[in-house]
Amino acid sequence: MEEGAPMEKAVIAKNVTKKYKIYESQSERLKDMLLPKSYGEEFYALRNVSFEAEKGDIIGLLGVNGSGKSTLSSILAGVVPPSDGELIKNGDSAIIAVSSGLDLKLSGRENIELKCLMLGFSKKQIKEMESDIIEFSELEAFIDQPVKSYSSGMKARLGFAVNVSIDPDILIIDEALSVGDRAFAKKSLDKMREFKEQGKTMFFVSHSISQMKEFCTKALWLEFGEKKDYGPLEEVLKDYEAFLEEYNLLSKQKKKEFREEGFRKQSRKTSEPASS
């Protein structure tokens, strides 16, 4: 469910859950579709995640790979719906992720036009915005080439340029600054600071702890799809960095066991009764 939130809140998440079905074979998938008995395994990418974001908050999403950061980013952006729970957003949102929302067969210019048309801009408005978007992306020489020929950094630049130009109230940046050159990353961070001064809310996914320290005000730590901690950046990051230090000292086998244990926590056979 999504509706207007109280004005001081940008986002209210109440027990947001996202589950998928995992099948061992195509025949098991078909049985689950056609027969009354449930087949397959339920996988909880997110389970009962609750938090509130104030307008102007910049929230770093922390967690090792597979913790649910990108799933939460996609739900916040409206790309996928939650399976359960409630998400209330006060304003429009946009996600910036490598290749997110880009049609690889189309050129960069055609992608700009398509994205803006889908967001409700008129052709006249798009023509007025287009040159600024292209200039910000620094892709002038490649803008009429198909996006499938772009490097990951070029795709990120195009995605960033389009999404900051549509002026969203809530911006989700998912690893988009981890590719490309340092100069563009600085330019992007400067744009994000400008958004912060305007009171916009941002969610920031990055493996760069230094970027988070420089930019974020709060942090949400996810572990195996569940909220581990949420609060002021300094407090959450202190515990997360201590966890990372211990995790990085583990052997390759111990890290694998840690991930496998997490996967077991997130999964259950659909024929099994749910635990109370």
Protein backbone atom coordinates (compact mmCIF):
# COMPACT_ATOMS: atom_id res chain seq x y z
CA MET A 1 0.00 0.00 0.00
CA GLU A 2 1.27 3.46 -0.82
CA GLU A 3 -0.27 6.80 0.07
CA GLY A 4 0.54 10.27 1.38
CA ALA A 5 2.60 10.19 4.60
CA PRO A 6 2.57 12.79 7.38
CA MET A 7 4.46 15.81 6.05
CA GLU A 8 7.52 15.51 8.32
CA LYS A 9 8.07 11.88 7.28
CA ALA A 10 9.44 11.01 3.85
CA VAL A 11 9.12 7.22 4.18
CA ILE A 12 7.42 4.95 6.68
CA ALA A 13 8.10 1.21 6.29
CA LYS A 14 6.01 -1.16 8.40
CA ASN A 15 7.01 -4.85 8.40
CA VAL A 16 8.02 -4.72 4.72
CA THR A 17 8.51 -8.26 3.45
CA LYS A 18 9.53 -9.61 0.05
CA LYS A 19 9.48 -13.31 -0.69
CA TYR A 20 10.18 -15.29 -3.83
CA LYS A 21 9.73 -18.92 -4.82
CA ILE A 22 12.81 -21.04 -5.57
CA TYR A 23 12.36 -24.27 -7.53
CA GLU A 24 14.74 -27.19 -7.95
CA SER A 25 13.51 -27.83 -11.50
CA GLN A 26 11.16 -26.55 -14.19
CA SER A 27 8.79 -29.47 -13.47
CA GLU A 28 8.53 -28.37 -9.82
CA ARG A 29 7.64 -24.84 -11.01
CA LEU A 30 4.89 -26.27 -13.29
CA LYS A 31 3.51 -28.44 -10.46
CA ASP A 32 3.30 -25.37 -8.22
CA MET A 33 1.33 -23.54 -10.92
CA LEU A 34 -1.05 -26.38 -11.77
CA LEU A 35 -1.59 -28.47 -8.62
CA PRO A 36 -3.30 -27.48 -5.35
CA LYS A 37 -0.35 -28.61 -3.20
CA SER A 38 2.41 -26.02 -2.82
CA TYR A 39 5.82 -26.87 -4.29
CA GLY A 40 9.19 -25.16 -4.13
CA GLU A 41 10.91 -23.16 -1.44
CA GLU A 42 10.02 -19.71 -0.18
CA PHE A 43 12.95 -17.32 0.01
CA TYR A 44 12.59 -14.16 2.10
CA ALA A 45 14.75 -11.46 0.54
CA LEU A 46 13.29 -9.11 3.19
CA ARG A 47 11.35 -9.98 6.32
CA ASN A 48 9.46 -7.54 8.58
CA VAL A 49 11.70 -4.51 7.92
CA SER A 50 10.38 -1.38 9.68
CA PHE A 51 11.85 2.13 9.85
CA GLU A 52 10.94 5.80 9.39
CA ALA A 53 12.87 8.36 7.34
CA GLU A 54 12.53 12.10 7.91
CA LYS A 55 12.63 14.57 5.04
CA GLY A 56 16.26 15.40 4.32
CA ASP A 57 17.65 12.15 5.76
CA ILE A 58 20.44 10.49 3.81
CA ILE A 59 20.36 6.84 4.80
CA GLY A 60 23.18 4.43 4.04
CA LEU A 61 22.05 0.82 3.47
CA LEU A 62 24.61 -1.50 5.04
CA GLY A 63 25.07 -5.27 4.81
CA VAL A 64 27.16 -7.92 3.08
CA ASN A 65 26.10 -9.23 -0.35
CA GLY A 66 22.71 -10.93 -0.22
CA SER A 67 21.49 -8.98 2.81
CA GLY A 68 18.55 -7.40 0.95
CA LYS A 69 19.87 -3.90 0.15
CA SER A 70 19.04 -3.97 -3.56
CA THR A 71 15.64 -5.58 -2.91
CA LEU A 72 14.77 -2.79 -0.48
CA SER A 73 16.06 -0.20 -2.97
CA SER A 74 13.76 -1.60 -5.68
CA ILE A 75 10.76 -1.56 -3.33
CA LEU A 76 11.50 2.01 -2.24
CA ALA A 77 11.68 3.05 -5.90
CA GLY A 78 8.41 1.30 -6.76
CA VAL A 79 10.15 -1.06 -9.19
CA VAL A 80 8.79 -4.12 -7.35
CA PRO A 81 5.98 -4.32 -4.77
CA PRO A 82 6.42 -5.78 -1.28
CA SER A 83 4.85 -9.20 -0.68
CA ASP A 84 3.58 -8.05 2.70
CA GLY A 85 3.72 -5.06 5.02
CA GLU A 86 3.16 -1.40 4.21
CA LEU A 87 5.30 1.27 2.57
CA ILE A 88 4.16 4.89 2.79
CA LYS A 89 6.04 7.47 0.71
CA ASN A 90 5.59 11.22 0.71
CA GLY A 91 6.59 12.16 -2.84
CA ASP A 92 7.93 10.69 -6.07
CA SER A 93 10.96 8.40 -6.00
CA ALA A 94 13.64 7.42 -8.52
CA ILE A 95 16.38 4.79 -8.43
CA ILE A 96 19.87 5.14 -9.88
CA ALA A 97 21.54 1.78 -10.43
CA VAL A 98 23.81 0.50 -13.18
CA SER A 99 21.56 -0.24 -16.20
CA SER A 100 18.42 0.28 -14.11
CA GLY A 101 15.51 1.09 -16.39
CA LEU A 102 17.66 1.31 -19.52
CA ASP A 103 16.65 -0.38 -22.78
CA LEU A 104 19.95 -1.70 -24.12
CA LYS A 105 18.69 -1.82 -27.73
CA LEU A 106 17.91 1.90 -27.77
CA SER A 107 20.38 4.77 -27.98
CA GLY A 108 21.17 6.99 -25.01
CA ARG A 109 18.99 9.79 -26.44
CA GLU A 110 16.07 7.39 -27.04
CA ASN A 111 16.38 6.13 -23.47
CA ILE A 112 16.17 9.69 -22.16
CA GLU A 113 13.02 10.31 -24.20
CA LEU A 114 11.41 6.98 -23.21
CA LYS A 115 12.14 7.38 -19.49
CA CYS A 116 10.78 10.94 -19.41
CA LEU A 117 7.67 10.01 -21.41
CA MET A 118 6.96 7.19 -18.94
CA LEU A 119 7.21 9.71 -16.11
CA GLY A 120 4.58 11.93 -17.71
CA PHE A 121 6.70 14.68 -19.28
CA SER A 122 5.48 16.16 -22.57
CA LYS A 123 7.62 16.01 -25.72
CA LYS A 124 8.18 19.76 -25.42
CA GLN A 125 9.38 19.41 -21.81
CA ILE A 126 11.68 16.54 -22.80
CA LYS A 127 13.26 18.64 -25.57
CA GLU A 128 13.92 21.40 -23.01
CA MET A 129 15.48 18.92 -20.53
CA GLU A 130 17.42 16.81 -23.01
CA SER A 131 20.48 19.00 -23.53
CA ASP A 132 21.02 19.44 -19.76
CA ILE A 133 20.73 15.67 -19.22
CA ILE A 134 23.23 14.93 -21.99
CA GLU A 135 25.63 17.61 -20.74
CA PHE A 136 25.49 16.27 -17.16
CA SER A 137 26.11 12.70 -18.37
CA GLU A 138 29.17 13.81 -20.40
CA LEU A 139 28.11 11.37 -23.13
CA GLU A 140 27.73 13.86 -26.00
CA ALA A 141 29.90 11.80 -28.39
CA PHE A 142 28.04 8.56 -27.62
CA ILE A 143 24.46 9.71 -26.97
CA ASP A 144 23.14 8.35 -30.29
CA GLN A 145 24.91 4.98 -29.95
CA PRO A 146 23.00 1.94 -28.59
CA VAL A 147 23.29 1.62 -24.81
CA LYS A 148 24.39 -2.03 -25.21
CA SER A 149 27.72 -0.64 -26.46
CA TYR A 150 28.20 1.49 -23.30
CA SER A 151 30.55 0.56 -20.47
CA SER A 152 29.02 0.08 -17.01
CA GLY A 153 30.33 3.53 -16.06
CA MET A 154 28.64 5.15 -19.07
CA LYS A 155 25.33 3.44 -18.21
CA ALA A 156 25.58 4.69 -14.64
CA ARG A 157 26.29 8.23 -15.86
CA LEU A 158 23.26 8.17 -18.16
CA GLY A 159 21.01 6.76 -15.44
CA PHE A 160 22.24 9.31 -12.90
CA ALA A 161 21.81 12.23 -15.30
CA VAL A 162 18.23 11.27 -16.19
CA ASN A 163 17.10 10.61 -12.62
CA VAL A 164 18.55 13.76 -11.06
CA SER A 165 17.07 15.85 -13.88
CA ILE A 166 13.50 14.68 -13.16
CA ASP A 167 13.91 16.15 -9.66
CA PRO A 168 12.50 13.33 -7.48
CA ASP A 169 11.56 13.85 -3.80
CA ILE A 170 13.16 10.53 -2.79
CA LEU A 171 16.33 9.33 -4.52
CA ILE A 172 17.77 5.81 -4.24
CA ILE A 173 21.40 5.35 -5.35
CA ASP A 174 22.35 1.66 -5.63
CA GLU A 175 26.10 1.24 -6.26
CA ALA A 176 25.85 3.74 -9.14
CA LEU A 177 28.90 5.69 -7.95
CA SER A 178 31.08 2.59 -7.69
CA VAL A 179 31.68 2.56 -11.46
CA GLY A 180 33.11 5.19 -13.75
CA ASP A 181 35.70 7.86 -13.11
CA ARG A 182 36.44 9.74 -9.91
CA ALA A 183 35.60 13.14 -11.42
CA PHE A 184 32.04 12.07 -12.30
CA ALA A 185 31.60 10.51 -8.84
CA LYS A 186 32.54 13.88 -7.29
CA LYS A 187 30.15 15.70 -9.61
CA SER A 188 27.39 13.27 -8.63
CA LEU A 189 28.09 13.67 -4.91
CA ASP A 190 27.95 17.45 -5.34
CA LYS A 191 24.51 17.07 -6.96
CA MET A 192 23.39 14.87 -4.08
CA ARG A 193 24.56 17.50 -1.57
CA GLU A 194 22.49 20.03 -3.48
CA PHE A 195 19.48 17.71 -3.12
CA LYS A 196 20.21 17.37 0.59
CA GLU A 197 20.12 21.16 1.00
CA GLN A 198 16.73 21.15 -0.75
CA GLY A 199 15.43 18.75 1.91
CA LYS A 200 15.20 15.70 -0.34
CA THR A 201 15.53 12.21 1.12
CA MET A 202 18.13 9.76 -0.19
CA PHE A 203 18.98 6.11 0.28
CA PHE A 204 22.57 5.26 -0.53
CA VAL A 205 23.91 1.75 -1.26
CA SER A 206 27.69 1.60 -1.56
CA HIS A 207 30.58 -0.64 -0.55
CA SER A 208 32.55 2.55 0.05
CA ILE A 209 32.41 3.23 3.80
CA SER A 210 34.33 6.48 3.23
CA GLN A 211 31.57 7.76 0.89
CA MET A 212 28.97 6.88 3.51
CA LYS A 213 30.90 8.69 6.25
CA GLU A 214 31.19 11.75 4.03
CA PHE A 215 27.60 11.83 2.93
CA CYS A 216 25.06 9.89 5.06
CA THR A 217 23.31 11.00 8.25
CA LYS A 218 21.72 7.65 9.20
CA ALA A 219 22.28 3.98 8.45
CA LEU A 220 20.05 0.93 8.08
CA TRP A 221 21.93 -2.35 8.59
CA LEU A 222 20.35 -5.40 6.97
CA GLU A 223 21.44 -8.96 7.65
CA PHE A 224 19.84 -11.93 5.86
CA GLY A 225 16.85 -9.77 4.90
CA GLU A 226 16.11 -8.53 8.41
CA LYS A 227 16.81 -5.21 10.11
CA LYS A 228 19.88 -5.58 12.31
CA ASP A 229 20.12 -1.91 13.36
CA TYR A 230 18.91 1.55 12.37
CA GLY A 231 19.89 4.97 13.66
CA PRO A 232 22.50 7.75 13.47
CA LEU A 233 25.32 6.83 11.07
CA GLU A 234 28.13 7.00 13.64
CA GLU A 235 26.42 4.60 16.03
CA VAL A 236 25.36 1.98 13.47
CA LEU A 237 28.62 2.20 11.50
CA LYS A 238 30.71 1.61 14.63
CA ASP A 239 29.03 -1.79 15.19
CA TYR A 240 28.96 -2.62 11.47
CA GLU A 241 32.68 -1.93 11.04
CA ALA A 242 33.43 -4.15 14.06
CA PHE A 243 31.34 -6.90 12.43
CA LEU A 244 33.15 -6.42 9.09
CA GLU A 245 36.54 -6.67 10.79
CA GLU A 246 35.57 -10.03 12.30
CA TYR A 247 33.92 -11.22 9.07
CA ASN A 248 36.98 -10.37 6.94
CA LEU A 249 39.20 -12.40 9.28
CA LEU A 250 37.12 -15.53 8.65
CA SER A 251 38.48 -18.22 6.36
CA LYS A 252 36.87 -18.74 2.96
CA GLN A 253 35.10 -21.83 4.34
CA LYS A 254 33.79 -19.99 7.43
CA LYS A 255 32.45 -17.16 5.24
CA LYS A 256 30.68 -19.76 3.10
CA GLU A 257 29.15 -21.35 6.21
CA PHE A 258 28.01 -17.93 7.43
CA ARG A 259 26.24 -17.25 4.09
CA GLU A 260 24.71 -20.74 4.01
CA GLU A 261 23.35 -20.30 7.53
CA GLY A 262 21.82 -17.01 6.44
CA PHE A 263 20.24 -18.67 3.39
CA ARG A 264 18.67 -21.31 5.66
CA LYS A 265 17.20 -18.57 7.84
CA GLN A 266 15.67 -16.89 4.78
CA SER A 267 14.24 -20.08 3.24
CA ARG A 268 11.66 -22.71 4.05
CA LYS A 269 9.83 -25.40 2.12
CA THR A 270 6.33 -24.20 1.31
CA SER A 271 4.89 -27.52 2.50
CA GLU A 272 6.27 -26.81 5.98
CA PRO A 273 4.11 -24.85 8.42
CA ALA A 274 5.34 -21.31 9.08
CA SER A 275 7.12 -20.92 12.40
CA SER A 276 5.24 -18.90 14.97
